[in-house]
Amino acid sequence: MENELAKHEKDYIRIYEKKGYGSNFYFKKNKLINSETKNQYLPEDITIVAEHRYEGMSDPSDMSILYVIETNKNEKGTFLLGYGPNTDLDIAEFFKKVPKSNITDAKNINLNDKD
């Protein structure tokens, strides 16, 4: 099974890209922005369809979260958030504001390998 080999963020990103989650997003002025289309999203405009957490190999306090995202404009992609002592708190707050009804594990490759 392919997802058993995925141990690092980049491995998961590659797997999700093959499943159609190829858009890249960046954060600016409290909005998530598609780097290609420049479409801008508020927390209520996105659905988190999978989330993966990682601990740093040399320092467990260095963590990251990979969000797998679908937008209300049918854009699908990923966003990697560094989490720990150097976390950008504005980005962390953005993801905390995503409505609970917009958070699911429906596309999580560790739980659903039928997609």
N, C-alpha and C. Protein backbone atom coordinates (compact mmCIF):
# COMPACT_ATOMS: atom_id res chain seq x y z
N MET A 1 0.84 -1.18 0.00
CA MET A 1 0.00 0.00 0.00
C MET A 1 0.88 1.24 0.00
N GLU A 2 0.62 2.17 -0.88
CA GLU A 2 1.49 3.34 -1.06
C GLU A 2 1.60 4.20 0.19
N ASN A 3 0.48 4.40 0.90
CA ASN A 3 0.53 5.32 2.03
C ASN A 3 1.33 4.78 3.22
N GLU A 4 1.62 3.49 3.25
CA GLU A 4 2.47 2.97 4.31
C GLU A 4 3.90 3.48 4.18
N LEU A 5 4.30 3.88 2.97
CA LEU A 5 5.65 4.36 2.74
C LEU A 5 5.79 5.85 3.06
N ALA A 6 4.69 6.54 3.20
CA ALA A 6 4.72 7.98 3.42
C ALA A 6 5.07 8.27 4.87
N LYS A 7 6.26 8.80 5.10
CA LYS A 7 6.69 9.07 6.46
C LYS A 7 6.94 10.55 6.70
N HIS A 8 7.10 11.31 5.65
CA HIS A 8 7.41 12.72 5.78
C HIS A 8 6.37 13.55 5.04
N GLU A 9 6.33 14.82 5.35
CA GLU A 9 5.36 15.71 4.74
C GLU A 9 5.42 15.64 3.21
N LYS A 10 6.62 15.68 2.67
CA LYS A 10 6.75 15.71 1.21
C LYS A 10 6.19 14.44 0.57
N ASP A 11 6.29 13.31 1.27
CA ASP A 11 5.73 12.06 0.75
C ASP A 11 4.20 12.14 0.68
N TYR A 12 3.60 12.67 1.73
CA TYR A 12 2.15 12.84 1.74
C TYR A 12 1.71 13.84 0.67
N ILE A 13 2.44 14.93 0.54
CA ILE A 13 2.09 15.94 -0.46
C ILE A 13 2.08 15.32 -1.85
N ARG A 14 3.08 14.52 -2.16
CA ARG A 14 3.15 13.85 -3.47
C ARG A 14 1.96 12.93 -3.70
N ILE A 15 1.59 12.18 -2.67
CA ILE A 15 0.45 11.27 -2.80
C ILE A 15 -0.83 12.06 -3.06
N TYR A 16 -1.03 13.13 -2.29
CA TYR A 16 -2.24 13.95 -2.48
C TYR A 16 -2.24 14.64 -3.84
N GLU A 17 -1.08 15.06 -4.31
CA GLU A 17 -1.01 15.67 -5.65
C GLU A 17 -1.49 14.68 -6.71
N LYS A 18 -1.10 13.42 -6.57
CA LYS A 18 -1.55 12.39 -7.52
C LYS A 18 -3.05 12.18 -7.46
N LYS A 19 -3.66 12.53 -6.33
CA LYS A 19 -5.11 12.39 -6.15
C LYS A 19 -5.86 13.67 -6.52
N GLY A 20 -5.14 14.64 -7.12
CA GLY A 20 -5.79 15.86 -7.58
C GLY A 20 -5.66 17.07 -6.68
N TYR A 21 -4.91 16.96 -5.60
CA TYR A 21 -4.73 18.08 -4.67
C TYR A 21 -3.44 18.81 -4.99
N GLY A 22 -3.42 19.45 -6.16
CA GLY A 22 -2.20 20.05 -6.67
C GLY A 22 -2.06 21.55 -6.45
N SER A 23 -3.11 22.19 -5.98
CA SER A 23 -3.01 23.64 -5.76
C SER A 23 -2.14 23.94 -4.55
N ASN A 24 -1.36 25.00 -4.66
CA ASN A 24 -0.55 25.48 -3.54
C ASN A 24 -1.17 26.76 -3.03
N PHE A 25 -1.19 26.91 -1.73
CA PHE A 25 -1.78 28.08 -1.11
C PHE A 25 -0.74 28.78 -0.25
N TYR A 26 -0.89 30.09 -0.13
CA TYR A 26 -0.09 30.85 0.82
C TYR A 26 -1.02 31.75 1.62
N PHE A 27 -0.52 32.28 2.71
CA PHE A 27 -1.33 33.07 3.64
C PHE A 27 -0.88 34.52 3.59
N LYS A 28 -1.86 35.43 3.43
CA LYS A 28 -1.55 36.85 3.43
C LYS A 28 -2.79 37.63 3.85
N LYS A 29 -2.60 38.55 4.77
CA LYS A 29 -3.68 39.43 5.25
C LYS A 29 -4.93 38.65 5.64
N ASN A 30 -4.72 37.62 6.45
CA ASN A 30 -5.81 36.80 7.00
C ASN A 30 -6.62 36.05 5.97
N LYS A 31 -6.01 35.76 4.82
CA LYS A 31 -6.68 34.98 3.78
C LYS A 31 -5.73 33.93 3.25
N LEU A 32 -6.29 32.81 2.84
CA LEU A 32 -5.54 31.78 2.14
C LEU A 32 -5.67 32.08 0.65
N ILE A 33 -4.55 32.10 -0.07
CA ILE A 33 -4.56 32.51 -1.47
C ILE A 33 -3.95 31.40 -2.32
N ASN A 34 -4.64 31.05 -3.40
CA ASN A 34 -4.11 30.07 -4.35
C ASN A 34 -2.99 30.76 -5.11
N SER A 35 -1.80 30.18 -5.09
CA SER A 35 -0.63 30.84 -5.70
C SER A 35 -0.75 30.96 -7.21
N GLU A 36 -1.56 30.14 -7.85
CA GLU A 36 -1.71 30.20 -9.30
C GLU A 36 -2.89 31.09 -9.72
N THR A 37 -4.08 30.81 -9.17
CA THR A 37 -5.28 31.53 -9.60
C THR A 37 -5.46 32.86 -8.88
N LYS A 38 -4.79 33.01 -7.74
CA LYS A 38 -4.90 34.19 -6.87
C LYS A 38 -6.27 34.30 -6.20
N ASN A 39 -7.10 33.25 -6.28
CA ASN A 39 -8.37 33.25 -5.55
C ASN A 39 -8.06 33.30 -4.07
N GLN A 40 -8.86 34.09 -3.33
CA GLN A 40 -8.65 34.29 -1.90
C GLN A 40 -9.77 33.65 -1.11
N TYR A 41 -9.39 33.09 0.05
CA TYR A 41 -10.35 32.35 0.84
C TYR A 41 -10.30 32.75 2.31
N LEU A 42 -11.49 32.84 2.89
CA LEU A 42 -11.65 33.00 4.33
C LEU A 42 -11.82 31.61 4.94
N PRO A 43 -11.72 31.48 6.25
CA PRO A 43 -11.85 30.16 6.87
C PRO A 43 -13.13 29.41 6.48
N GLU A 44 -14.23 30.12 6.35
CA GLU A 44 -15.50 29.47 6.02
C GLU A 44 -15.58 29.04 4.55
N ASP A 45 -14.61 29.45 3.73
CA ASP A 45 -14.59 29.10 2.31
C ASP A 45 -13.84 27.80 2.01
N ILE A 46 -13.22 27.22 3.02
CA ILE A 46 -12.44 26.01 2.79
C ILE A 46 -12.98 24.84 3.61
N THR A 47 -12.71 23.65 3.13
CA THR A 47 -12.99 22.43 3.87
C THR A 47 -11.67 21.68 4.01
N ILE A 48 -11.36 21.31 5.23
CA ILE A 48 -10.17 20.50 5.49
C ILE A 48 -10.62 19.05 5.40
N VAL A 49 -10.14 18.34 4.37
CA VAL A 49 -10.60 16.96 4.13
C VAL A 49 -9.63 15.92 4.70
N ALA A 50 -8.47 16.37 5.15
CA ALA A 50 -7.51 15.50 5.84
C ALA A 50 -6.49 16.39 6.54
N GLU A 51 -5.92 15.85 7.57
CA GLU A 51 -4.91 16.59 8.34
C GLU A 51 -3.89 15.58 8.84
N HIS A 52 -2.61 15.93 8.71
CA HIS A 52 -1.54 15.05 9.17
C HIS A 52 -0.57 15.87 10.02
N ARG A 53 -0.21 15.34 11.18
CA ARG A 53 0.71 16.02 12.09
C ARG A 53 2.04 15.28 12.13
N TYR A 54 3.11 16.07 12.23
CA TYR A 54 4.46 15.51 12.23
C TYR A 54 5.27 16.13 13.35
N GLU A 55 6.14 15.32 13.95
CA GLU A 55 7.11 15.82 14.92
C GLU A 55 8.47 15.88 14.26
N GLY A 56 9.27 16.86 14.66
CA GLY A 56 10.61 16.98 14.13
C GLY A 56 11.47 15.78 14.51
N MET A 57 12.32 15.35 13.59
CA MET A 57 13.18 14.20 13.85
C MET A 57 14.18 14.49 14.97
N SER A 58 14.79 15.67 14.95
CA SER A 58 15.80 15.98 15.95
C SER A 58 15.24 16.74 17.15
N ASP A 59 14.09 17.38 16.96
CA ASP A 59 13.49 18.17 18.04
C ASP A 59 11.97 17.98 18.00
N PRO A 60 11.42 17.17 18.90
CA PRO A 60 9.98 16.90 18.88
C PRO A 60 9.11 18.15 19.05
N SER A 61 9.68 19.25 19.55
CA SER A 61 8.89 20.47 19.68
C SER A 61 8.72 21.18 18.33
N ASP A 62 9.53 20.80 17.34
CA ASP A 62 9.35 21.31 15.99
C ASP A 62 8.34 20.42 15.29
N MET A 63 7.15 20.92 15.13
CA MET A 63 6.08 20.13 14.54
C MET A 63 5.55 20.84 13.31
N SER A 64 4.81 20.09 12.52
CA SER A 64 4.12 20.69 11.39
C SER A 64 2.80 19.96 11.19
N ILE A 65 1.89 20.66 10.53
CA ILE A 65 0.59 20.09 10.20
C ILE A 65 0.38 20.28 8.71
N LEU A 66 0.05 19.20 8.03
CA LEU A 66 -0.30 19.27 6.62
C LEU A 66 -1.81 19.26 6.52
N TYR A 67 -2.36 20.35 5.98
CA TYR A 67 -3.80 20.44 5.75
C TYR A 67 -4.06 20.11 4.29
N VAL A 68 -5.02 19.23 4.03
CA VAL A 68 -5.47 18.90 2.69
C VAL A 68 -6.81 19.62 2.54
N ILE A 69 -6.89 20.48 1.52
CA ILE A 69 -7.96 21.48 1.44
C ILE A 69 -8.75 21.37 0.15
N GLU A 70 -10.06 21.58 0.28
CA GLU A 70 -10.94 21.81 -0.86
C GLU A 70 -11.61 23.15 -0.61
N THR A 71 -11.75 23.95 -1.68
CA THR A 71 -12.34 25.28 -1.52
C THR A 71 -13.74 25.33 -2.10
N ASN A 72 -14.43 26.43 -1.81
CA ASN A 72 -15.77 26.62 -2.36
C ASN A 72 -15.74 26.97 -3.85
N LYS A 73 -14.55 27.08 -4.43
CA LYS A 73 -14.39 27.30 -5.88
C LYS A 73 -13.78 26.06 -6.54
N ASN A 74 -13.93 24.94 -5.88
CA ASN A 74 -13.47 23.64 -6.40
C ASN A 74 -11.97 23.56 -6.64
N GLU A 75 -11.19 24.30 -5.88
CA GLU A 75 -9.74 24.17 -5.94
C GLU A 75 -9.32 23.22 -4.82
N LYS A 76 -8.39 22.33 -5.13
CA LYS A 76 -7.95 21.33 -4.16
C LYS A 76 -6.44 21.38 -4.05
N GLY A 77 -5.96 21.40 -2.82
CA GLY A 77 -4.52 21.45 -2.62
C GLY A 77 -4.14 21.22 -1.18
N THR A 78 -2.91 21.61 -0.85
CA THR A 78 -2.38 21.40 0.49
C THR A 78 -1.77 22.69 1.04
N PHE A 79 -1.65 22.72 2.35
CA PHE A 79 -0.98 23.82 3.04
C PHE A 79 -0.22 23.23 4.21
N LEU A 80 1.07 23.49 4.28
CA LEU A 80 1.91 22.98 5.35
C LEU A 80 2.18 24.10 6.35
N LEU A 81 1.78 23.87 7.59
CA LEU A 81 1.94 24.86 8.65
C LEU A 81 2.98 24.36 9.64
N GLY A 82 4.06 25.12 9.80
CA GLY A 82 5.02 24.83 10.84
C GLY A 82 4.37 25.12 12.18
N TYR A 83 4.54 24.22 13.13
CA TYR A 83 3.85 24.36 14.40
C TYR A 83 4.85 24.11 15.50
N GLY A 84 4.99 25.03 16.39
CA GLY A 84 5.95 24.90 17.48
C GLY A 84 6.42 26.28 17.89
N PRO A 85 7.67 26.39 18.34
CA PRO A 85 8.17 27.67 18.84
C PRO A 85 8.15 28.79 17.79
N ASN A 86 8.24 28.44 16.52
CA ASN A 86 8.29 29.46 15.47
C ASN A 86 7.00 29.56 14.67
N THR A 87 5.89 29.12 15.24
CA THR A 87 4.61 29.14 14.54
C THR A 87 4.16 30.55 14.22
N ASP A 88 3.66 30.74 13.01
CA ASP A 88 3.01 32.00 12.65
C ASP A 88 1.60 31.94 13.25
N LEU A 89 1.39 32.70 14.31
CA LEU A 89 0.13 32.62 15.05
C LEU A 89 -1.07 33.05 14.22
N ASP A 90 -0.89 33.96 13.28
CA ASP A 90 -2.01 34.39 12.42
C ASP A 90 -2.51 33.23 11.56
N ILE A 91 -1.59 32.44 11.03
CA ILE A 91 -1.99 31.30 10.21
C ILE A 91 -2.67 30.24 11.09
N ALA A 92 -2.11 29.99 12.27
CA ALA A 92 -2.72 29.02 13.18
C ALA A 92 -4.13 29.46 13.55
N GLU A 93 -4.34 30.74 13.80
CA GLU A 93 -5.67 31.26 14.11
C GLU A 93 -6.62 31.10 12.93
N PHE A 94 -6.12 31.31 11.72
CA PHE A 94 -6.95 31.13 10.52
C PHE A 94 -7.53 29.72 10.51
N PHE A 95 -6.67 28.72 10.71
CA PHE A 95 -7.14 27.33 10.64
C PHE A 95 -8.03 26.98 11.83
N LYS A 96 -7.85 27.63 12.97
CA LYS A 96 -8.75 27.41 14.11
C LYS A 96 -10.14 27.95 13.82
N LYS A 97 -10.24 28.93 12.92
CA LYS A 97 -11.54 29.54 12.59
C LYS A 97 -12.31 28.78 11.52
N VAL A 98 -11.70 27.76 10.92
CA VAL A 98 -12.44 26.95 9.96
C VAL A 98 -13.60 26.28 10.73
N PRO A 99 -14.84 26.45 10.25
CA PRO A 99 -15.98 25.87 10.98
C PRO A 99 -15.82 24.35 11.15
N LYS A 100 -16.21 23.86 12.32
CA LYS A 100 -16.10 22.42 12.60
C LYS A 100 -16.84 21.60 11.54
N SER A 101 -17.91 22.14 10.99
CA SER A 101 -18.67 21.42 9.96
C SER A 101 -17.87 21.30 8.65
N ASN A 102 -16.77 22.06 8.53
CA ASN A 102 -15.92 22.03 7.34
C ASN A 102 -14.63 21.24 7.59
N ILE A 103 -14.61 20.44 8.62
CA ILE A 103 -13.43 19.63 8.92
C ILE A 103 -13.84 18.16 8.93
N THR A 104 -13.14 17.37 8.13
CA THR A 104 -13.46 15.95 8.00
C THR A 104 -12.20 15.18 7.67
N ASP A 105 -12.24 13.89 7.83
CA ASP A 105 -11.14 13.02 7.42
C ASP A 105 -11.54 12.22 6.18
N ALA A 106 -12.50 12.72 5.43
CA ALA A 106 -13.08 11.99 4.29
C ALA A 106 -12.04 11.58 3.25
N LYS A 107 -10.98 12.35 3.10
CA LYS A 107 -9.97 12.06 2.07
C LYS A 107 -8.63 11.65 2.66
N ASN A 108 -8.60 11.36 3.96
CA ASN A 108 -7.37 10.97 4.64
C ASN A 108 -6.85 9.66 4.08
N ILE A 109 -5.66 9.68 3.49
CA ILE A 109 -5.12 8.49 2.84
C ILE A 109 -4.80 7.37 3.83
N ASN A 110 -4.66 7.71 5.08
CA ASN A 110 -4.41 6.67 6.09
C ASN A 110 -5.70 5.94 6.49
N LEU A 111 -6.83 6.57 6.24
CA LEU A 111 -8.11 6.00 6.63
C LEU A 111 -8.94 5.54 5.45
N ASN A 112 -8.75 6.19 4.30
CA ASN A 112 -9.58 5.95 3.12
C ASN A 112 -8.70 5.74 1.90
N ASP A 113 -8.41 4.52 1.57
CA ASP A 113 -7.54 4.29 0.41
C ASP A 113 -8.32 3.85 -0.82
N LYS A 114 -9.61 4.18 -0.87
CA LYS A 114 -10.45 3.81 -2.02
C LYS A 114 -10.53 4.91 -3.06
N ASP A 115 -10.06 6.13 -2.72
CA ASP A 115 -10.16 7.28 -3.65
C ASP A 115 -9.23 7.12 -4.82
